[in-house]
């Protein structure tokens, strides 16, 4: 799927209920961070990313689906290694690198398409 096709052929990825649930999770997480230890922010964002991935994985292009599937093992590993800061950080770094490569391939390094 090209960038042009994705712009010209919009696809609903989330239902309204799913969107409001994700919005609410992010909003309440922002509030709870005021009272939680700082490392919880990363864990909450990772949980939100996993939830979003799991909701949309069957509704996206084959290319995006492949990327999302490739992240399942690493995000599961990261969630179970939050007490090992080095392993947790390394896993998140690899996930970010993997996702950045996908985006550069998809958009060619041009944010405006």
N, C-alpha and C. Protein backbone atom coordinates (compact mmCIF):
# COMPACT_ATOMS: atom_id res chain seq x y z
N UNK A 1 0.85 -1.18 0.00
CA UNK A 1 0.00 0.00 0.00
C UNK A 1 0.89 1.23 0.00
N UNK A 2 0.69 2.10 -0.95
CA UNK A 2 1.49 3.31 -1.02
C UNK A 2 0.93 4.38 -0.09
N UNK A 3 1.74 5.36 0.19
CA UNK A 3 1.29 6.48 1.03
C UNK A 3 0.11 7.17 0.35
N UNK A 4 0.19 7.34 -0.97
CA UNK A 4 -0.87 8.00 -1.70
C UNK A 4 -2.19 7.23 -1.58
N UNK A 5 -2.13 5.92 -1.69
CA UNK A 5 -3.34 5.11 -1.57
C UNK A 5 -3.93 5.23 -0.18
N UNK A 6 -3.07 5.27 0.84
CA UNK A 6 -3.60 5.35 2.20
C UNK A 6 -4.27 6.69 2.46
N UNK A 7 -3.83 7.75 1.80
CA UNK A 7 -4.44 9.06 1.96
C UNK A 7 -5.74 9.14 1.17
N UNK A 8 -5.74 8.59 -0.04
CA UNK A 8 -6.91 8.67 -0.91
C UNK A 8 -8.01 7.67 -0.57
N UNK A 9 -7.67 6.63 0.14
CA UNK A 9 -8.64 5.60 0.48
C UNK A 9 -8.66 5.42 2.00
N UNK A 10 -9.29 6.36 2.71
CA UNK A 10 -9.28 6.28 4.17
C UNK A 10 -9.98 5.02 4.67
N UNK A 11 -9.40 4.44 5.69
CA UNK A 11 -9.95 3.24 6.30
C UNK A 11 -10.15 3.52 7.77
N UNK A 12 -11.32 3.17 8.28
CA UNK A 12 -11.55 3.33 9.70
C UNK A 12 -10.78 2.24 10.43
N UNK A 13 -9.87 2.63 11.27
CA UNK A 13 -9.03 1.69 12.00
C UNK A 13 -9.62 1.39 13.37
N UNK A 14 -10.16 2.39 14.04
CA UNK A 14 -10.76 2.22 15.36
C UNK A 14 -12.24 2.57 15.31
N UNK A 15 -13.02 1.86 16.08
CA UNK A 15 -14.41 2.26 16.26
C UNK A 15 -14.41 3.46 17.22
N UNK A 16 -15.51 4.12 17.30
CA UNK A 16 -15.62 5.25 18.23
C UNK A 16 -15.41 4.78 19.66
N UNK A 17 -15.98 3.63 20.03
CA UNK A 17 -15.80 3.12 21.39
C UNK A 17 -14.35 2.80 21.68
N UNK A 18 -13.64 2.20 20.71
CA UNK A 18 -12.23 1.89 20.91
C UNK A 18 -11.40 3.16 21.03
N UNK A 19 -11.71 4.16 20.22
CA UNK A 19 -10.98 5.42 20.28
C UNK A 19 -11.18 6.12 21.63
N UNK A 20 -12.41 6.14 22.12
CA UNK A 20 -12.65 6.81 23.41
C UNK A 20 -12.01 6.02 24.55
N UNK A 21 -11.98 4.69 24.43
CA UNK A 21 -11.32 3.89 25.46
C UNK A 21 -9.82 4.17 25.49
N UNK A 22 -9.19 4.25 24.31
CA UNK A 22 -7.76 4.56 24.25
C UNK A 22 -7.50 5.98 24.75
N UNK A 23 -8.32 6.93 24.33
CA UNK A 23 -8.19 8.30 24.80
C UNK A 23 -8.29 8.38 26.32
N UNK A 24 -9.26 7.68 26.88
CA UNK A 24 -9.46 7.69 28.33
C UNK A 24 -8.27 7.07 29.05
N UNK A 25 -7.74 5.97 28.51
CA UNK A 25 -6.57 5.34 29.12
C UNK A 25 -5.39 6.31 29.14
N UNK A 26 -5.14 6.98 28.02
CA UNK A 26 -4.03 7.92 27.95
C UNK A 26 -4.25 9.12 28.88
N UNK A 27 -5.46 9.63 28.90
CA UNK A 27 -5.77 10.77 29.76
C UNK A 27 -5.63 10.42 31.23
N UNK A 28 -6.20 9.30 31.65
CA UNK A 28 -6.10 8.92 33.07
C UNK A 28 -4.68 8.52 33.44
N UNK A 29 -3.93 7.99 32.47
CA UNK A 29 -2.52 7.68 32.73
C UNK A 29 -1.73 8.96 32.98
N UNK A 30 -2.04 9.99 32.21
CA UNK A 30 -1.37 11.27 32.41
C UNK A 30 -1.63 11.78 33.83
N UNK A 31 -2.86 11.65 34.28
CA UNK A 31 -3.18 12.11 35.64
C UNK A 31 -2.51 11.24 36.69
N UNK A 32 -2.56 9.94 36.52
CA UNK A 32 -2.00 9.06 37.54
C UNK A 32 -0.48 9.21 37.64
N UNK A 33 0.16 9.67 36.57
CA UNK A 33 1.60 9.86 36.61
C UNK A 33 2.02 10.91 37.63
N UNK A 34 1.13 11.77 37.97
CA UNK A 34 1.45 12.78 38.98
C UNK A 34 1.70 12.14 40.34
N UNK A 35 1.10 10.98 40.57
CA UNK A 35 1.22 10.31 41.85
C UNK A 35 2.08 9.03 41.80
N UNK A 36 2.34 8.51 40.61
CA UNK A 36 3.09 7.25 40.45
C UNK A 36 4.58 7.51 40.31
N UNK A 37 5.39 6.49 40.56
CA UNK A 37 6.84 6.61 40.29
C UNK A 37 7.05 6.89 38.80
N UNK A 38 8.10 7.62 38.47
CA UNK A 38 8.31 8.07 37.09
C UNK A 38 8.44 6.93 36.09
N UNK A 39 8.97 5.79 36.48
CA UNK A 39 9.15 4.69 35.53
C UNK A 39 7.82 4.09 35.07
N UNK A 40 6.75 4.36 35.78
CA UNK A 40 5.44 3.84 35.37
C UNK A 40 4.97 4.46 34.06
N UNK A 41 5.41 5.66 33.74
CA UNK A 41 4.97 6.31 32.50
C UNK A 41 5.33 5.47 31.29
N UNK A 42 6.55 4.99 31.25
CA UNK A 42 6.99 4.16 30.13
C UNK A 42 6.16 2.89 30.04
N UNK A 43 5.90 2.27 31.17
CA UNK A 43 5.12 1.03 31.18
C UNK A 43 3.69 1.29 30.70
N UNK A 44 3.10 2.41 31.10
CA UNK A 44 1.74 2.73 30.67
C UNK A 44 1.69 3.01 29.16
N UNK A 45 2.68 3.73 28.65
CA UNK A 45 2.73 3.99 27.21
C UNK A 45 2.92 2.71 26.42
N UNK A 46 3.76 1.82 26.92
CA UNK A 46 3.94 0.53 26.25
C UNK A 46 2.64 -0.26 26.26
N UNK A 47 1.93 -0.24 27.37
CA UNK A 47 0.63 -0.92 27.44
C UNK A 47 -0.35 -0.33 26.43
N UNK A 48 -0.35 0.99 26.29
CA UNK A 48 -1.25 1.63 25.33
C UNK A 48 -0.87 1.25 23.90
N UNK A 49 0.43 1.21 23.62
CA UNK A 49 0.88 0.81 22.28
C UNK A 49 0.46 -0.63 21.98
N UNK A 50 0.61 -1.52 22.96
CA UNK A 50 0.19 -2.91 22.77
C UNK A 50 -1.31 -3.00 22.55
N UNK A 51 -2.07 -2.26 23.31
CA UNK A 51 -3.53 -2.28 23.16
C UNK A 51 -3.93 -1.77 21.78
N UNK A 52 -3.33 -0.68 21.34
CA UNK A 52 -3.63 -0.16 20.02
C UNK A 52 -3.25 -1.18 18.95
N UNK A 53 -2.07 -1.74 19.06
CA UNK A 53 -1.62 -2.76 18.10
C UNK A 53 -2.63 -3.91 18.03
N UNK A 54 -3.02 -4.41 19.18
CA UNK A 54 -3.91 -5.57 19.23
C UNK A 54 -5.29 -5.25 18.64
N UNK A 55 -5.73 -4.02 18.77
CA UNK A 55 -7.04 -3.64 18.25
C UNK A 55 -7.03 -3.46 16.73
N UNK A 56 -5.91 -3.00 16.17
CA UNK A 56 -5.90 -2.66 14.75
C UNK A 56 -5.20 -3.69 13.85
N UNK A 57 -4.55 -4.66 14.42
CA UNK A 57 -3.69 -5.55 13.64
C UNK A 57 -4.42 -6.22 12.48
N UNK A 58 -5.68 -6.51 12.62
CA UNK A 58 -6.43 -7.15 11.54
C UNK A 58 -7.14 -6.15 10.64
N UNK A 59 -6.89 -4.86 10.85
CA UNK A 59 -7.59 -3.82 10.09
C UNK A 59 -6.65 -2.95 9.27
N UNK A 60 -5.37 -3.30 9.24
CA UNK A 60 -4.38 -2.46 8.57
C UNK A 60 -3.83 -3.18 7.34
N UNK A 61 -3.01 -2.48 6.59
CA UNK A 61 -2.40 -3.05 5.39
C UNK A 61 -1.51 -4.23 5.76
N UNK A 62 -1.26 -5.12 4.81
CA UNK A 62 -0.37 -6.25 5.09
C UNK A 62 1.02 -5.82 5.57
N UNK A 63 1.53 -4.72 5.04
CA UNK A 63 2.86 -4.24 5.46
C UNK A 63 2.85 -3.80 6.91
N UNK A 64 1.83 -3.04 7.29
CA UNK A 64 1.72 -2.58 8.67
C UNK A 64 1.45 -3.76 9.60
N UNK A 65 0.62 -4.69 9.16
CA UNK A 65 0.32 -5.88 9.96
C UNK A 65 1.62 -6.65 10.25
N UNK A 66 2.48 -6.77 9.25
CA UNK A 66 3.75 -7.48 9.45
C UNK A 66 4.60 -6.78 10.51
N UNK A 67 4.68 -5.46 10.45
CA UNK A 67 5.42 -4.71 11.47
C UNK A 67 4.82 -4.96 12.85
N UNK A 68 3.52 -4.83 12.96
CA UNK A 68 2.87 -5.00 14.26
C UNK A 68 3.09 -6.41 14.81
N UNK A 69 3.01 -7.41 13.96
CA UNK A 69 3.24 -8.79 14.41
C UNK A 69 4.67 -8.98 14.90
N UNK A 70 5.60 -8.30 14.24
CA UNK A 70 7.00 -8.41 14.65
C UNK A 70 7.27 -7.81 16.02
N UNK A 71 6.38 -6.97 16.50
CA UNK A 71 6.61 -6.32 17.79
C UNK A 71 6.06 -7.11 18.98
N UNK A 72 5.23 -8.11 18.72
CA UNK A 72 4.55 -8.82 19.81
C UNK A 72 5.54 -9.44 20.80
N UNK A 73 6.50 -10.19 20.31
CA UNK A 73 7.45 -10.86 21.20
C UNK A 73 8.26 -9.86 22.01
N UNK A 74 8.72 -8.80 21.37
CA UNK A 74 9.55 -7.82 22.07
C UNK A 74 8.76 -7.03 23.11
N UNK A 75 7.52 -6.66 22.80
CA UNK A 75 6.75 -5.92 23.80
C UNK A 75 6.39 -6.81 24.99
N UNK A 76 6.12 -8.07 24.71
CA UNK A 76 5.85 -9.01 25.80
C UNK A 76 7.09 -9.17 26.68
N UNK A 77 8.24 -9.29 26.05
CA UNK A 77 9.50 -9.38 26.79
C UNK A 77 9.72 -8.14 27.64
N UNK A 78 9.50 -6.96 27.04
CA UNK A 78 9.71 -5.71 27.77
C UNK A 78 8.79 -5.63 28.98
N UNK A 79 7.53 -5.99 28.81
CA UNK A 79 6.57 -5.92 29.92
C UNK A 79 6.97 -6.85 31.07
N UNK A 80 7.63 -7.94 30.76
CA UNK A 80 8.01 -8.88 31.82
C UNK A 80 9.41 -8.62 32.37
N UNK A 81 10.08 -7.61 31.84
CA UNK A 81 11.44 -7.28 32.31
C UNK A 81 11.56 -5.83 32.76
N UNK A 82 10.49 -5.29 33.29
CA UNK A 82 10.53 -3.89 33.71
C UNK A 82 11.46 -3.66 34.90
N UNK A 83 11.77 -4.70 35.65
CA UNK A 83 12.70 -4.55 36.77
C UNK A 83 14.16 -4.62 36.34
N UNK A 84 14.41 -5.03 35.11
CA UNK A 84 15.75 -5.07 34.54
C UNK A 84 15.87 -3.90 33.57
N UNK A 85 16.27 -2.75 34.09
CA UNK A 85 16.27 -1.52 33.30
C UNK A 85 17.09 -1.63 32.03
N UNK A 86 18.20 -2.33 32.07
CA UNK A 86 19.04 -2.46 30.88
C UNK A 86 18.33 -3.26 29.79
N UNK A 87 17.73 -4.39 30.15
CA UNK A 87 17.01 -5.21 29.17
C UNK A 87 15.77 -4.48 28.66
N UNK A 88 15.07 -3.81 29.55
CA UNK A 88 13.87 -3.06 29.19
C UNK A 88 14.22 -1.95 28.20
N UNK A 89 15.25 -1.18 28.52
CA UNK A 89 15.69 -0.08 27.66
C UNK A 89 16.16 -0.59 26.31
N UNK A 90 16.95 -1.64 26.31
CA UNK A 90 17.46 -2.22 25.07
C UNK A 90 16.31 -2.69 24.17
N UNK A 91 15.33 -3.32 24.76
CA UNK A 91 14.18 -3.81 23.99
C UNK A 91 13.39 -2.65 23.40
N UNK A 92 13.15 -1.62 24.19
CA UNK A 92 12.43 -0.45 23.67
C UNK A 92 13.23 0.25 22.58
N UNK A 93 14.56 0.32 22.74
CA UNK A 93 15.40 0.92 21.71
C UNK A 93 15.27 0.14 20.40
N UNK A 94 15.29 -1.18 20.47
CA UNK A 94 15.17 -2.00 19.27
C UNK A 94 13.79 -1.83 18.63
N UNK A 95 12.74 -1.78 19.43
CA UNK A 95 11.40 -1.55 18.90
C UNK A 95 11.31 -0.20 18.19
N UNK A 96 11.90 0.83 18.77
CA UNK A 96 11.90 2.16 18.15
C UNK A 96 12.67 2.15 16.84
N UNK A 97 13.81 1.48 16.81
CA UNK A 97 14.61 1.38 15.59
C UNK A 97 13.84 0.64 14.50
N UNK A 98 13.22 -0.46 14.86
CA UNK A 98 12.44 -1.27 13.92
C UNK A 98 11.29 -0.43 13.34
N UNK A 99 10.60 0.30 14.18
CA UNK A 99 9.48 1.12 13.74
C UNK A 99 9.97 2.28 12.87
N UNK A 100 11.09 2.89 13.24
CA UNK A 100 11.65 3.99 12.44
C UNK A 100 12.03 3.50 11.05
N UNK A 101 12.63 2.33 10.95
CA UNK A 101 12.98 1.77 9.63
C UNK A 101 11.72 1.58 8.78
N UNK A 102 10.67 1.08 9.41
CA UNK A 102 9.41 0.88 8.70
C UNK A 102 8.90 2.22 8.17
N UNK A 103 8.91 3.24 9.01
CA UNK A 103 8.41 4.55 8.60
C UNK A 103 9.24 5.17 7.48
N UNK A 104 10.55 5.04 7.56
CA UNK A 104 11.41 5.57 6.50
C UNK A 104 11.12 4.83 5.19
N UNK A 105 10.94 3.52 5.29
CA UNK A 105 10.60 2.76 4.09
C UNK A 105 9.25 3.16 3.53
N UNK A 106 8.33 3.41 4.38
CA UNK A 106 6.96 3.75 3.94
C UNK A 106 6.87 5.18 3.40
N UNK A 107 7.50 6.11 4.10
CA UNK A 107 7.38 7.51 3.72
C UNK A 107 8.64 8.06 3.07
N UNK A 108 9.67 7.27 2.94
CA UNK A 108 10.88 7.70 2.28
C UNK A 108 11.60 8.84 2.97
N UNK A 109 11.43 8.96 4.27
CA UNK A 109 12.09 10.04 4.99
C UNK A 109 11.43 11.38 4.82
N UNK A 110 10.30 11.41 4.11
CA UNK A 110 9.59 12.67 3.86
C UNK A 110 8.33 12.68 4.70
N UNK A 111 8.30 13.49 5.73
CA UNK A 111 7.15 13.53 6.65
C UNK A 111 5.88 14.02 5.97
N UNK A 112 6.01 14.79 4.91
CA UNK A 112 4.83 15.33 4.23
C UNK A 112 4.32 14.42 3.13
N UNK A 113 4.96 13.24 2.97
CA UNK A 113 4.50 12.30 1.95
C UNK A 113 5.11 12.60 0.65
